[in-house]
Amino acid sequence: MPKKRKRSNAAARRGSQAGPAVPNPAPVGAPERGRQVLDNGILGLAAAGVLLTGYLTLTAWFGEHPAYCGAESECDIVQSSRWSTLFGLPLALWGLLTYALLVGLAWRLRTRPAAWGPLLTVACIGTGVSWFLTLVSVFEIKAVCLYCLVSFALMNLLLLLTLLRRPARTSARRWRQDLQIPVGAALVLVFGLHLHFNGFFDPAAGPEDPYLKALATHLQESGARFYGAYWCRACQEQKALFTASVKRLPYIECAPSGPNGPLTAACVVQDIQRYPTWIVEGRRYTGVVDIERLARVSKFEWNAVTQDARLKR
């Protein structure tokens, strides 16, 4: 009996030295596969956005209508509105750059988890801008573009998948901190766009003044012509007088090839030698012509009620 007790005590000591039993490690295949699915989904959505905005950018540059977006359709109204350009470039181009950046970050995320933070920031900004433009389309333009809705869906899905792809074991406090910069950046940018399209930074990007809108339309319809060149500083000053209604002016470009290039046929026929040159009611006016004089020489009569009703038709 004493020998058996000694053997059992020795076995107990060996067991205590070996330490507690270690359970089998949890399988990691399922979470890894889940991350790969999310990564592929983010990359695929971003690539689809590149194709969509790339197509819209090309049609805008070549002055074409996108497919299923005929003249006077709701899509055409949205694509030709003042919200369709930003700093003189098609808004679709800015969307293309955003989606291309998302593609690069999504690809980088596959091997570098640190790319998740920048990816979330860009996705938040893109989603915020998409919401802003969609609300403008519905409540301001009162028209809906199918391509814009597709981009809206892509960007929101991108943000959702990016949020689901957040790093594992992230505490609630850390999670709130991670969201502060992306959400804050999106709000600041959307607010900046709101100010821009209200003419705070550039009056030409804001809403049209009813008087200037009516005068520019009258000049166009009365047969007046404004001859100039894109590189002419005085021509830019003349256009700036009409702020957001500049696109309604009867403008004719005389020197598209630059200062040393040939004149267009229309300018040769009219013997245009100085820029800007106005021909109104058969009379020629050179240099920057102020608004009051243009209204007088073109015999423009302003009536706020009747003019507004006519322009809306």
C-alpha atoms as a PDB file:
ATOM      1  CA  MET A   1       0.000   0.000   0.000  1.00  0.00           C
ATOM      2  CA  PRO A   2       2.669   2.615   0.786  1.00  0.00           C
ATOM      3  CA  LYS A   3       4.344   1.996  -2.613  1.00  0.00           C
ATOM      4  CA  LYS A   4       1.090   2.633  -4.508  1.00  0.00           C
ATOM      5  CA  ARG A   5       0.587   5.925  -2.638  1.00  0.00           C
ATOM      6  CA  LYS A   6       4.088   7.076  -3.623  1.00  0.00           C
ATOM      7  CA  ARG A   7       3.465   6.259  -7.261  1.00  0.00           C
ATOM      8  CA  SER A   8       0.157   8.180  -7.274  1.00  0.00           C
ATOM      9  CA  ASN A   9       1.809  11.214  -5.626  1.00  0.00           C
ATOM     10  CA  ALA A  10       4.563  11.176  -8.259  1.00  0.00           C
ATOM     11  CA  ALA A  11       2.011  11.016 -11.068  1.00  0.00           C
ATOM     12  CA  ALA A  12       0.168  13.989  -9.562  1.00  0.00           C
ATOM     13  CA  ARG A  13       3.409  15.997  -9.437  1.00  0.00           C
ATOM     14  CA  ARG A  14       4.142  15.215 -13.101  1.00  0.00           C
ATOM     15  CA  GLY A  15       0.628  16.290 -14.038  1.00  0.00           C
ATOM     16  CA  SER A  16       0.957  19.605 -12.225  1.00  0.00           C
ATOM     17  CA  GLN A  17       4.290  20.292 -13.923  1.00  0.00           C
ATOM     18  CA  ALA A  18       2.789  19.639 -17.352  1.00  0.00           C
ATOM     19  CA  GLY A  19       0.247  22.445 -16.804  1.00  0.00           C
ATOM     20  CA  PRO A  20      -3.461  22.570 -17.626  1.00  0.00           C
ATOM     21  CA  ALA A  21      -4.761  20.929 -20.737  1.00  0.00           C
ATOM     22  CA  VAL A  22      -4.907  23.249 -23.745  1.00  0.00           C
ATOM     23  CA  PRO A  23      -8.099  23.053 -25.806  1.00  0.00           C
ATOM     24  CA  ASN A  24      -7.886  22.669 -29.553  1.00  0.00           C
ATOM     25  CA  PRO A  25      -7.639  26.055 -31.338  1.00  0.00           C
ATOM     26  CA  ALA A  26     -10.827  27.374 -32.914  1.00  0.00           C
ATOM     27  CA  PRO A  27     -11.051  27.005 -36.669  1.00  0.00           C
ATOM     28  CA  VAL A  28     -10.056  30.187 -38.521  1.00  0.00           C
ATOM     29  CA  GLY A  29     -11.150  29.192 -42.008  1.00  0.00           C
ATOM     30  CA  ALA A  30     -14.697  30.593 -41.759  1.00  0.00           C
ATOM     31  CA  PRO A  31     -13.767  34.142 -40.632  1.00  0.00           C
ATOM     32  CA  GLU A  32     -10.997  34.261 -43.227  1.00  0.00           C
ATOM     33  CA  ARG A  33     -13.387  33.226 -45.979  1.00  0.00           C
ATOM     34  CA  GLY A  34     -15.866  35.871 -44.772  1.00  0.00           C
ATOM     35  CA  ARG A  35     -13.255  38.605 -45.063  1.00  0.00           C
ATOM     36  CA  GLN A  36     -12.335  37.447 -48.554  1.00  0.00           C
ATOM     37  CA  VAL A  37     -15.982  37.585 -49.628  1.00  0.00           C
ATOM     38  CA  LEU A  38     -16.298  41.144 -48.280  1.00  0.00           C
ATOM     39  CA  ASP A  39     -13.038  42.188 -49.934  1.00  0.00           C
ATOM     40  CA  ASN A  40     -14.194  40.817 -53.285  1.00  0.00           C
ATOM     41  CA  GLY A  41     -17.583  42.476 -52.880  1.00  0.00           C
ATOM     42  CA  ILE A  42     -16.053  45.884 -52.137  1.00  0.00           C
ATOM     43  CA  LEU A  43     -13.635  45.564 -55.046  1.00  0.00           C
ATOM     44  CA  GLY A  44     -16.398  44.476 -57.428  1.00  0.00           C
ATOM     45  CA  LEU A  45     -18.738  47.328 -56.477  1.00  0.00           C
ATOM     46  CA  ALA A  46     -15.948  49.889 -56.828  1.00  0.00           C
ATOM     47  CA  ALA A  47     -15.006  48.488 -60.248  1.00  0.00           C
ATOM     48  CA  ALA A  48     -18.663  48.701 -61.345  1.00  0.00           C
ATOM     49  CA  GLY A  49     -18.657  52.345 -60.240  1.00  0.00           C
ATOM     50  CA  VAL A  50     -15.562  53.013 -62.361  1.00  0.00           C
ATOM     51  CA  LEU A  51     -17.279  51.580 -65.438  1.00  0.00           C
ATOM     52  CA  LEU A  52     -20.478  53.554 -64.820  1.00  0.00           C
ATOM     53  CA  THR A  53     -18.859  56.941 -64.158  1.00  0.00           C
ATOM     54  CA  GLY A  54     -16.280  56.373 -66.898  1.00  0.00           C
ATOM     55  CA  TYR A  55     -19.103  55.934 -69.415  1.00  0.00           C
ATOM     56  CA  LEU A  56     -20.898  59.065 -68.165  1.00  0.00           C
ATOM     57  CA  THR A  57     -17.657  61.065 -68.295  1.00  0.00           C
ATOM     58  CA  LEU A  58     -17.032  60.094 -71.917  1.00  0.00           C
ATOM     59  CA  THR A  59     -20.576  60.990 -72.993  1.00  0.00           C
ATOM     60  CA  ALA A  60     -20.314  64.345 -71.193  1.00  0.00           C
ATOM     61  CA  TRP A  61     -16.990  65.213 -72.837  1.00  0.00           C
ATOM     62  CA  PHE A  62     -18.239  64.347 -76.315  1.00  0.00           C
ATOM     63  CA  GLY A  63     -21.588  66.085 -75.786  1.00  0.00           C
ATOM     64  CA  GLU A  64     -23.576  62.898 -76.273  1.00  0.00           C
ATOM     65  CA  HIS A  65     -26.646  61.644 -74.447  1.00  0.00           C
ATOM     66  CA  PRO A  66     -26.151  58.438 -72.422  1.00  0.00           C
ATOM     67  CA  ALA A  67     -28.207  55.430 -73.465  1.00  0.00           C
ATOM     68  CA  TYR A  68     -31.879  55.618 -72.406  1.00  0.00           C
ATOM     69  CA  CYS A  69     -31.322  59.317 -71.636  1.00  0.00           C
ATOM     70  CA  GLY A  70     -32.877  61.151 -74.581  1.00  0.00           C
ATOM     71  CA  ALA A  71     -33.320  64.884 -74.991  1.00  0.00           C
ATOM     72  CA  GLU A  72     -35.814  66.475 -72.566  1.00  0.00           C
ATOM     73  CA  SER A  73     -36.013  63.276 -70.507  1.00  0.00           C
ATOM     74  CA  GLU A  74     -35.664  63.436 -66.716  1.00  0.00           C
ATOM     75  CA  CYS A  75     -32.188  61.966 -67.053  1.00  0.00           C
ATOM     76  CA  ASP A  76     -31.214  64.668 -69.556  1.00  0.00           C
ATOM     77  CA  ILE A  77     -32.590  67.386 -67.268  1.00  0.00           C
ATOM     78  CA  VAL A  78     -30.384  66.143 -64.431  1.00  0.00           C
ATOM     79  CA  GLN A  79     -27.305  65.665 -66.623  1.00  0.00           C
ATOM     80  CA  SER A  80     -27.595  69.201 -68.050  1.00  0.00           C
ATOM     81  CA  SER A  81     -28.402  70.972 -64.773  1.00  0.00           C
ATOM     82  CA  ARG A  82     -25.963  73.286 -62.992  1.00  0.00           C
ATOM     83  CA  TRP A  83     -25.315  70.484 -60.488  1.00  0.00           C
ATOM     84  CA  SER A  84     -23.799  68.320 -63.240  1.00  0.00           C
ATOM     85  CA  THR A  85     -20.451  70.158 -63.231  1.00  0.00           C
ATOM     86  CA  LEU A  86     -17.985  71.076 -60.505  1.00  0.00           C
ATOM     87  CA  PHE A  87     -15.147  73.559 -61.126  1.00  0.00           C
ATOM     88  CA  GLY A  88     -15.830  73.329 -64.847  1.00  0.00           C
ATOM     89  CA  LEU A  89     -15.487  69.530 -64.980  1.00  0.00           C
ATOM     90  CA  PRO A  90     -18.278  66.964 -65.343  1.00  0.00           C
ATOM     91  CA  LEU A  91     -19.430  65.687 -61.982  1.00  0.00           C
ATOM     92  CA  ALA A  92     -19.143  62.178 -63.418  1.00  0.00           C
ATOM     93  CA  LEU A  93     -15.366  62.693 -63.650  1.00  0.00           C
ATOM     94  CA  TRP A  94     -15.169  63.412 -59.907  1.00  0.00           C
ATOM     95  CA  GLY A  95     -17.196  60.254 -59.330  1.00  0.00           C
ATOM     96  CA  LEU A  96     -14.792  58.315 -61.548  1.00  0.00           C
ATOM     97  CA  LEU A  97     -11.816  59.518 -59.497  1.00  0.00           C
ATOM     98  CA  THR A  98     -13.602  58.537 -56.271  1.00  0.00           C
ATOM     99  CA  TYR A  99     -14.419  55.024 -57.480  1.00  0.00           C
ATOM    100  CA  ALA A 100     -10.882  54.579 -58.843  1.00  0.00           C
ATOM    101  CA  LEU A 101      -9.480  55.512 -55.417  1.00  0.00           C
ATOM    102  CA  LEU A 102     -11.843  52.999 -53.808  1.00  0.00           C
ATOM    103  CA  VAL A 103     -10.629  50.297 -56.190  1.00  0.00           C
ATOM    104  CA  GLY A 104      -7.019  50.984 -55.195  1.00  0.00           C
ATOM    105  CA  LEU A 105      -7.799  50.952 -51.462  1.00  0.00           C
ATOM    106  CA  ALA A 106      -9.940  47.813 -51.750  1.00  0.00           C
ATOM    107  CA  TRP A 107      -7.122  46.012 -53.554  1.00  0.00           C
ATOM    108  CA  ARG A 108      -4.630  47.146 -50.922  1.00  0.00           C
ATOM    109  CA  LEU A 109      -6.937  45.978 -48.126  1.00  0.00           C
ATOM    110  CA  ARG A 110      -6.535  42.371 -49.275  1.00  0.00           C
ATOM    111  CA  THR A 111      -2.973  42.318 -47.951  1.00  0.00           C
ATOM    112  CA  ARG A 112      -2.745  45.378 -45.683  1.00  0.00           C
ATOM    113  CA  PRO A 113      -5.437  45.756 -42.999  1.00  0.00           C
ATOM    114  CA  ALA A 114      -4.316  49.357 -42.352  1.00  0.00           C
ATOM    115  CA  ALA A 115      -6.009  50.358 -45.632  1.00  0.00           C
ATOM    116  CA  TRP A 116      -9.412  49.911 -43.973  1.00  0.00           C
ATOM    117  CA  GLY A 117      -9.332  53.374 -42.364  1.00  0.00           C
ATOM    118  CA  PRO A 118      -8.743  55.343 -45.616  1.00  0.00           C
ATOM    119  CA  LEU A 119     -11.238  53.062 -47.394  1.00  0.00           C
ATOM    120  CA  LEU A 120     -13.902  53.883 -44.811  1.00  0.00           C
ATOM    121  CA  THR A 121     -13.181  57.619 -45.113  1.00  0.00           C
ATOM    122  CA  VAL A 122     -13.502  57.663 -48.908  1.00  0.00           C
ATOM    123  CA  ALA A 123     -16.626  55.474 -48.785  1.00  0.00           C
ATOM    124  CA  CYS A 124     -18.239  57.809 -46.215  1.00  0.00           C
ATOM    125  CA  ILE A 125     -17.441  60.876 -48.309  1.00  0.00           C
ATOM    126  CA  GLY A 126     -18.742  59.243 -51.481  1.00  0.00           C
ATOM    127  CA  THR A 127     -21.954  58.160 -49.763  1.00  0.00           C
ATOM    128  CA  GLY A 128     -22.514  61.605 -48.252  1.00  0.00           C
ATOM    129  CA  VAL A 129     -22.086  63.327 -51.626  1.00  0.00           C
ATOM    130  CA  SER A 130     -24.334  60.725 -53.258  1.00  0.00           C
ATOM    131  CA  TRP A 131     -27.096  61.405 -50.723  1.00  0.00           C
ATOM    132  CA  PHE A 132     -26.702  65.174 -51.236  1.00  0.00           C
ATOM    133  CA  LEU A 133     -26.981  64.930 -55.027  1.00  0.00           C
ATOM    134  CA  THR A 134     -29.922  62.522 -54.853  1.00  0.00           C
ATOM    135  CA  LEU A 135     -31.853  64.878 -52.560  1.00  0.00           C
ATOM    136  CA  VAL A 136     -31.027  67.797 -54.880  1.00  0.00           C
ATOM    137  CA  SER A 137     -32.277  65.759 -57.831  1.00  0.00           C
ATOM    138  CA  VAL A 138     -35.590  64.928 -56.139  1.00  0.00           C
ATOM    139  CA  PHE A 139     -36.385  68.224 -54.380  1.00  0.00           C
ATOM    140  CA  GLU A 140     -34.582  70.896 -56.437  1.00  0.00           C
ATOM    141  CA  ILE A 141     -34.359  69.596 -60.002  1.00  0.00           C
ATOM    142  CA  LYS A 142     -37.520  67.502 -59.564  1.00  0.00           C
ATOM    143  CA  ALA A 143     -36.198  64.872 -61.953  1.00  0.00           C
ATOM    144  CA  VAL A 144     -34.517  61.513 -61.445  1.00  0.00           C
ATOM    145  CA  CYS A 145     -31.616  60.052 -63.408  1.00  0.00           C
ATOM    146  CA  LEU A 146     -31.374  56.257 -63.639  1.00  0.00           C
ATOM    147  CA  TYR A 147     -27.567  56.353 -63.767  1.00  0.00           C
ATOM    148  CA  CYS A 148     -27.461  58.511 -60.653  1.00  0.00           C
ATOM    149  CA  LEU A 149     -29.681  56.063 -58.780  1.00  0.00           C
ATOM    150  CA  VAL A 150     -27.415  53.166 -59.783  1.00  0.00           C
ATOM    151  CA  SER A 151     -24.375  55.061 -58.490  1.00  0.00           C
ATOM    152  CA  PHE A 152     -26.301  55.908 -55.322  1.00  0.00           C
ATOM    153  CA  ALA A 153     -27.003  52.199 -54.723  1.00  0.00           C
ATOM    154  CA  LEU A 154     -23.393  51.202 -55.467  1.00  0.00           C
ATOM    155  CA  MET A 155     -21.950  53.748 -53.046  1.00  0.00           C
ATOM    156  CA  ASN A 156     -24.314  52.832 -50.220  1.00  0.00           C
ATOM    157  CA  LEU A 157     -23.592  49.125 -50.641  1.00  0.00           C
ATOM    158  CA  LEU A 158     -19.875  49.904 -50.690  1.00  0.00           C
ATOM    159  CA  LEU A 159     -20.139  51.715 -47.374  1.00  0.00           C
ATOM    160  CA  LEU A 160     -22.182  48.895 -45.848  1.00  0.00           C
ATOM    161  CA  LEU A 161     -19.660  46.215 -46.846  1.00  0.00           C
ATOM    162  CA  THR A 162     -16.793  48.410 -45.641  1.00  0.00           C
ATOM    163  CA  LEU A 163     -18.452  48.743 -42.230  1.00  0.00           C
ATOM    164  CA  LEU A 164     -18.960  44.974 -42.051  1.00  0.00           C
ATOM    165  CA  ARG A 165     -15.275  44.533 -42.934  1.00  0.00           C
ATOM    166  CA  ARG A 166     -14.100  46.478 -39.859  1.00  0.00           C
ATOM    167  CA  PRO A 167     -11.168  44.997 -37.929  1.00  0.00           C
ATOM    168  CA  ALA A 168     -11.975  42.213 -35.471  1.00  0.00           C
ATOM    169  CA  ARG A 169     -11.987  42.772 -31.707  1.00  0.00           C
ATOM    170  CA  THR A 170     -12.764  46.490 -32.060  1.00  0.00           C
ATOM    171  CA  SER A 171     -14.184  47.908 -28.836  1.00  0.00           C
ATOM    172  CA  ALA A 172     -17.266  50.128 -28.860  1.00  0.00           C
ATOM    173  CA  ARG A 173     -15.190  53.129 -27.814  1.00  0.00           C
ATOM    174  CA  ARG A 174     -12.594  52.544 -30.503  1.00  0.00           C
ATOM    175  CA  TRP A 175     -15.384  51.987 -33.034  1.00  0.00           C
ATOM    176  CA  ARG A 176     -16.885  55.402 -32.261  1.00  0.00           C
ATOM    177  CA  GLN A 177     -13.466  57.021 -32.587  1.00  0.00           C
ATOM    178  CA  ASP A 178     -12.869  55.335 -35.941  1.00  0.00           C
ATOM    179  CA  LEU A 179     -16.124  56.779 -37.298  1.00  0.00           C
ATOM    180  CA  GLN A 180     -15.501  60.376 -36.242  1.00  0.00           C
ATOM    181  CA  ILE A 181     -13.035  61.343 -38.984  1.00  0.00           C
ATOM    182  CA  PRO A 182     -14.895  59.692 -41.934  1.00  0.00           C
ATOM    183  CA  VAL A 183     -18.305  61.047 -40.918  1.00  0.00           C
ATOM    184  CA  GLY A 184     -16.868  64.482 -40.127  1.00  0.00           C
ATOM    185  CA  ALA A 185     -15.060  64.652 -43.481  1.00  0.00           C
ATOM    186  CA  ALA A 186     -18.254  63.692 -45.321  1.00  0.00           C
ATOM    187  CA  LEU A 187     -20.303  66.366 -43.518  1.00  0.00           C
ATOM    188  CA  VAL A 188     -17.708  69.073 -44.194  1.00  0.00           C
ATOM    189  CA  LEU A 189     -17.516  68.219 -47.898  1.00  0.00           C
ATOM    190  CA  VAL A 190     -21.293  68.080 -48.323  1.00  0.00           C
ATOM    191  CA  PHE A 191     -21.646  71.447 -46.590  1.00  0.00           C
ATOM    192  CA  GLY A 192     -18.950  72.867 -48.885  1.00  0.00           C
ATOM    193  CA  LEU A 193     -20.822  71.585 -51.952  1.00  0.00           C
ATOM    194  CA  HIS A 194     -24.016  73.161 -50.639  1.00  0.00           C
ATOM    195  CA  LEU A 195     -22.275  76.535 -50.342  1.00  0.00           C
ATOM    196  CA  HIS A 196     -20.670  76.144 -53.781  1.00  0.00           C
ATOM    197  CA  PHE A 197     -23.932  75.404 -55.583  1.00  0.00           C
ATOM    198  CA  ASN A 198     -25.584  78.312 -53.799  1.00  0.00           C
ATOM    199  CA  GLY A 199     -23.008  80.693 -55.258  1.00  0.00           C
ATOM    200  CA  PHE A 200     -21.102  81.369 -52.030  1.00  0.00           C
ATOM    201  CA  PHE A 201     -17.685  80.746 -53.630  1.00  0.00           C
ATOM    202  CA  ASP A 202     -18.554  81.313 -57.301  1.00  0.00           C
ATOM    203  CA  PRO A 203     -21.739  83.171 -58.366  1.00  0.00           C
ATOM    204  CA  ALA A 204     -21.668  81.308 -61.702  1.00  0.00           C
ATOM    205  CA  ALA A 205     -22.314  78.036 -59.852  1.00  0.00           C
ATOM    206  CA  GLY A 206     -25.298  79.411 -57.935  1.00  0.00           C
ATOM    207  CA  PRO A 207     -28.943  79.873 -58.895  1.00  0.00           C
ATOM    208  CA  GLU A 208     -29.767  82.152 -61.825  1.00  0.00           C
ATOM    209  CA  ASP A 209     -30.807  85.730 -61.322  1.00  0.00           C
ATOM    210  CA  PRO A 210     -34.245  86.119 -63.001  1.00  0.00           C
ATOM    211  CA  TYR A 211     -33.319  89.396 -64.725  1.00  0.00           C
ATOM    212  CA  LEU A 212     -30.020  88.105 -66.143  1.00  0.00           C
ATOM    213  CA  LYS A 213     -31.694  84.883 -67.188  1.00  0.00           C
ATOM    214  CA  ALA A 214     -34.386  86.764 -69.088  1.00  0.00           C
ATOM    215  CA  LEU A 215     -31.885  89.159 -70.698  1.00  0.00           C
ATOM    216  CA  ALA A 216     -29.579  86.352 -71.873  1.00  0.00           C
ATOM    217  CA  THR A 217     -32.580  84.509 -73.323  1.00  0.00           C
ATOM    218  CA  HIS A 218     -33.769  87.664 -75.050  1.00  0.00           C
ATOM    219  CA  LEU A 219     -30.337  88.253 -76.605  1.00  0.00           C
ATOM    220  CA  GLN A 220     -30.324  84.711 -77.941  1.00  0.00           C
ATOM    221  CA  GLU A 221     -33.826  84.910 -79.363  1.00  0.00           C
ATOM    222  CA  SER A 222     -33.424  88.397 -80.839  1.00  0.00           C
ATOM    223  CA  GLY A 223     -30.499  87.336 -83.023  1.00  0.00           C
ATOM    224  CA  ALA A 224     -27.753  89.132 -81.098  1.00  0.00           C
ATOM    225  CA  ARG A 225     -24.325  87.513 -81.193  1.00  0.00           C
ATOM    226  CA  PHE A 226     -21.381  87.622 -78.801  1.00  0.00           C
ATOM    227  CA  TYR A 227     -18.041  86.851 -80.507  1.00  0.00           C
ATOM    228  CA  GLY A 228     -15.025  86.026 -78.362  1.00  0.00           C
ATOM    229  CA  ALA A 229     -12.153  83.667 -77.592  1.00  0.00           C
ATOM    230  CA  TYR A 230     -11.671  81.301 -74.681  1.00  0.00           C
ATOM    231  CA  TRP A 231      -8.260  82.831 -73.872  1.00  0.00           C
ATOM    232  CA  CYS A 232      -9.531  86.431 -73.968  1.00  0.00           C
ATOM    233  CA  ARG A 233      -9.549  87.990 -70.485  1.00  0.00           C
ATOM    234  CA  ALA A 234     -12.116  90.650 -71.439  1.00  0.00           C
ATOM    235  CA  CYS A 235     -14.404  87.900 -72.753  1.00  0.00           C
ATOM    236  CA  GLN A 236     -14.248  86.167 -69.384  1.00  0.00           C
ATOM    237  CA  GLU A 237     -15.137  89.474 -67.700  1.00  0.00           C
ATOM    238  CA  GLN A 238     -18.107  89.835 -70.049  1.00  0.00           C
ATOM    239  CA  LYS A 239     -19.326  86.335 -69.233  1.00  0.00           C
ATOM    240  CA  ALA A 240     -18.877  86.911 -65.512  1.00  0.00           C
ATOM    241  CA  LEU A 241     -21.453  89.731 -65.656  1.00  0.00           C
ATOM    242  CA  PHE A 242     -24.128  87.105 -66.382  1.00  0.00           C
ATOM    243  CA  THR A 243     -23.039  84.809 -63.516  1.00  0.00           C
ATOM    244  CA  ALA A 244     -25.084  81.566 -63.633  1.00  0.00           C
ATOM    245  CA  SER A 245     -26.910  82.565 -66.851  1.00  0.00           C
ATOM    246  CA  VAL A 246     -23.725  82.656 -68.932  1.00  0.00           C
ATOM    247  CA  LYS A 247     -24.657  79.416 -70.695  1.00  0.00           C
ATOM    248  CA  ARG A 248     -27.688  81.173 -72.225  1.00  0.00           C
ATOM    249  CA  LEU A 249     -25.621  83.814 -74.020  1.00  0.00           C
ATOM    250  CA  PRO A 250     -25.424  83.673 -77.842  1.00  0.00           C
ATOM    251  CA  TYR A 251     -21.676  83.109 -77.650  1.00  0.00           C
ATOM    252  CA  ILE A 252     -19.573  82.194 -80.695  1.00  0.00           C
ATOM    253  CA  GLU A 253     -15.975  81.009 -80.235  1.00  0.00           C
ATOM    254  CA  CYS A 254     -13.680  82.648 -82.793  1.00  0.00           C
ATOM    255  CA  ALA A 255     -10.250  81.178 -82.010  1.00  0.00           C
ATOM    256  CA  PRO A 256     -10.530  77.591 -80.722  1.00  0.00           C
ATOM    257  CA  SER A 257      -6.924  76.872 -81.772  1.00  0.00           C
ATOM    258  CA  GLY A 258      -5.419  79.649 -79.681  1.00  0.00           C
ATOM    259  CA  PRO A 259      -4.215  83.216 -80.330  1.00  0.00           C
ATOM    260  CA  ASN A 260      -2.207  82.216 -83.413  1.00  0.00           C
ATOM    261  CA  GLY A 261      -4.760  79.828 -84.866  1.00  0.00           C
ATOM    262  CA  PRO A 262      -7.233  80.498 -87.690  1.00  0.00           C
ATOM    263  CA  LEU A 263     -10.602  82.128 -87.024  1.00  0.00           C
ATOM    264  CA  THR A 264     -13.813  80.172 -87.355  1.00  0.00           C
ATOM    265  CA  ALA A 265     -15.891  80.780 -90.465  1.00  0.00           C
ATOM    266  CA  ALA A 266     -18.598  82.700 -88.594  1.00  0.00           C
ATOM    267  CA  CYS A 267     -16.028  85.187 -87.266  1.00  0.00           C
ATOM    268  CA  VAL A 268     -14.355  85.586 -90.680  1.00  0.00           C
ATOM    269  CA  VAL A 269     -17.699  86.435 -92.275  1.00  0.00           C
ATOM    270  CA  GLN A 270     -18.358  89.115 -89.639  1.00  0.00           C
ATOM    271  CA  ASP A 271     -14.750  90.422 -89.850  1.00  0.00           C
ATOM    272  CA  ILE A 272     -14.206  90.060 -86.096  1.00  0.00           C
ATOM    273  CA  GLN A 273     -10.908  91.723 -85.145  1.00  0.00           C
ATOM    274  CA  ARG A 274     -11.343  92.466 -81.425  1.00  0.00           C
ATOM    275  CA  TYR A 275     -12.706  90.453 -78.516  1.00  0.00           C
ATOM    276  CA  PRO A 276     -15.309  90.621 -77.264  1.00  0.00           C
ATOM    277  CA  THR A 277     -17.463  91.923 -80.098  1.00  0.00           C
ATOM    278  CA  TRP A 278     -21.242  92.161 -79.893  1.00  0.00           C
ATOM    279  CA  ILE A 279     -23.540  92.513 -82.894  1.00  0.00           C
ATOM    280  CA  VAL A 280     -26.954  93.600 -81.669  1.00  0.00           C
ATOM    281  CA  GLU A 281     -29.740  94.878 -83.892  1.00  0.00           C
ATOM    282  CA  GLY A 282     -27.237  95.196 -86.741  1.00  0.00           C
ATOM    283  CA  ARG A 283     -24.841  97.366 -84.736  1.00  0.00           C
ATOM    284  CA  ARG A 284     -21.343  96.455 -83.580  1.00  0.00           C
ATOM    285  CA  TYR A 285     -20.059  96.958 -80.012  1.00  0.00           C
ATOM    286  CA  THR A 286     -16.513  96.068 -78.961  1.00  0.00           C
ATOM    287  CA  GLY A 287     -15.098  95.566 -75.506  1.00  0.00           C
ATOM    288  CA  VAL A 288     -16.972  94.631 -72.361  1.00  0.00           C
ATOM    289  CA  VAL A 289     -20.574  95.897 -72.597  1.00  0.00           C
ATOM    290  CA  ASP A 290     -22.382  96.380 -69.284  1.00  0.00           C
ATOM    291  CA  ILE A 291     -25.744  94.828 -68.544  1.00  0.00           C
ATOM    292  CA  GLU A 292     -27.752  98.058 -68.717  1.00  0.00           C
ATOM    293  CA  ARG A 293     -26.393  98.938 -72.139  1.00  0.00           C
ATOM    294  CA  LEU A 294     -27.025  95.469 -73.522  1.00  0.00           C
ATOM    295  CA  ALA A 295     -30.613  95.666 -72.304  1.00  0.00           C
ATOM    296  CA  ARG A 296     -31.048  99.108 -73.878  1.00  0.00           C
ATOM    297  CA  VAL A 297     -29.521  98.425 -77.300  1.00  0.00           C
ATOM    298  CA  SER A 298     -31.334  95.081 -77.599  1.00  0.00           C
ATOM    299  CA  LYS A 299     -34.661  96.758 -76.653  1.00  0.00           C
ATOM    300  CA  PHE A 300     -35.160  94.403 -73.728  1.00  0.00           C
ATOM    301  CA  GLU A 301     -38.257  95.083 -71.641  1.00  0.00           C
ATOM    302  CA  TRP A 302     -38.356  93.524 -68.203  1.00  0.00           C
ATOM    303  CA  ASN A 303     -41.546  92.328 -66.563  1.00  0.00           C
ATOM    304  CA  ALA A 304     -40.868  89.945 -63.696  1.00  0.00           C
ATOM    305  CA  VAL A 305     -44.242  88.164 -63.844  1.00  0.00           C
ATOM    306  CA  THR A 306     -44.565  87.648 -67.590  1.00  0.00           C
ATOM    307  CA  GLN A 307     -40.871  86.882 -68.113  1.00  0.00           C
ATOM    308  CA  ASP A 308     -40.818  84.241 -65.394  1.00  0.00           C
ATOM    309  CA  ALA A 309     -43.925  82.572 -66.806  1.00  0.00           C
ATOM    310  CA  ARG A 310     -42.473  82.575 -70.345  1.00  0.00           C
ATOM    311  CA  LEU A 311     -39.115  81.130 -69.291  1.00  0.00           C
ATOM    312  CA  LYS A 312     -40.790  78.280 -67.420  1.00  0.00           C
ATOM    313  CA  ARG A 313     -42.645  77.115 -70.520  1.00  0.00           C
END
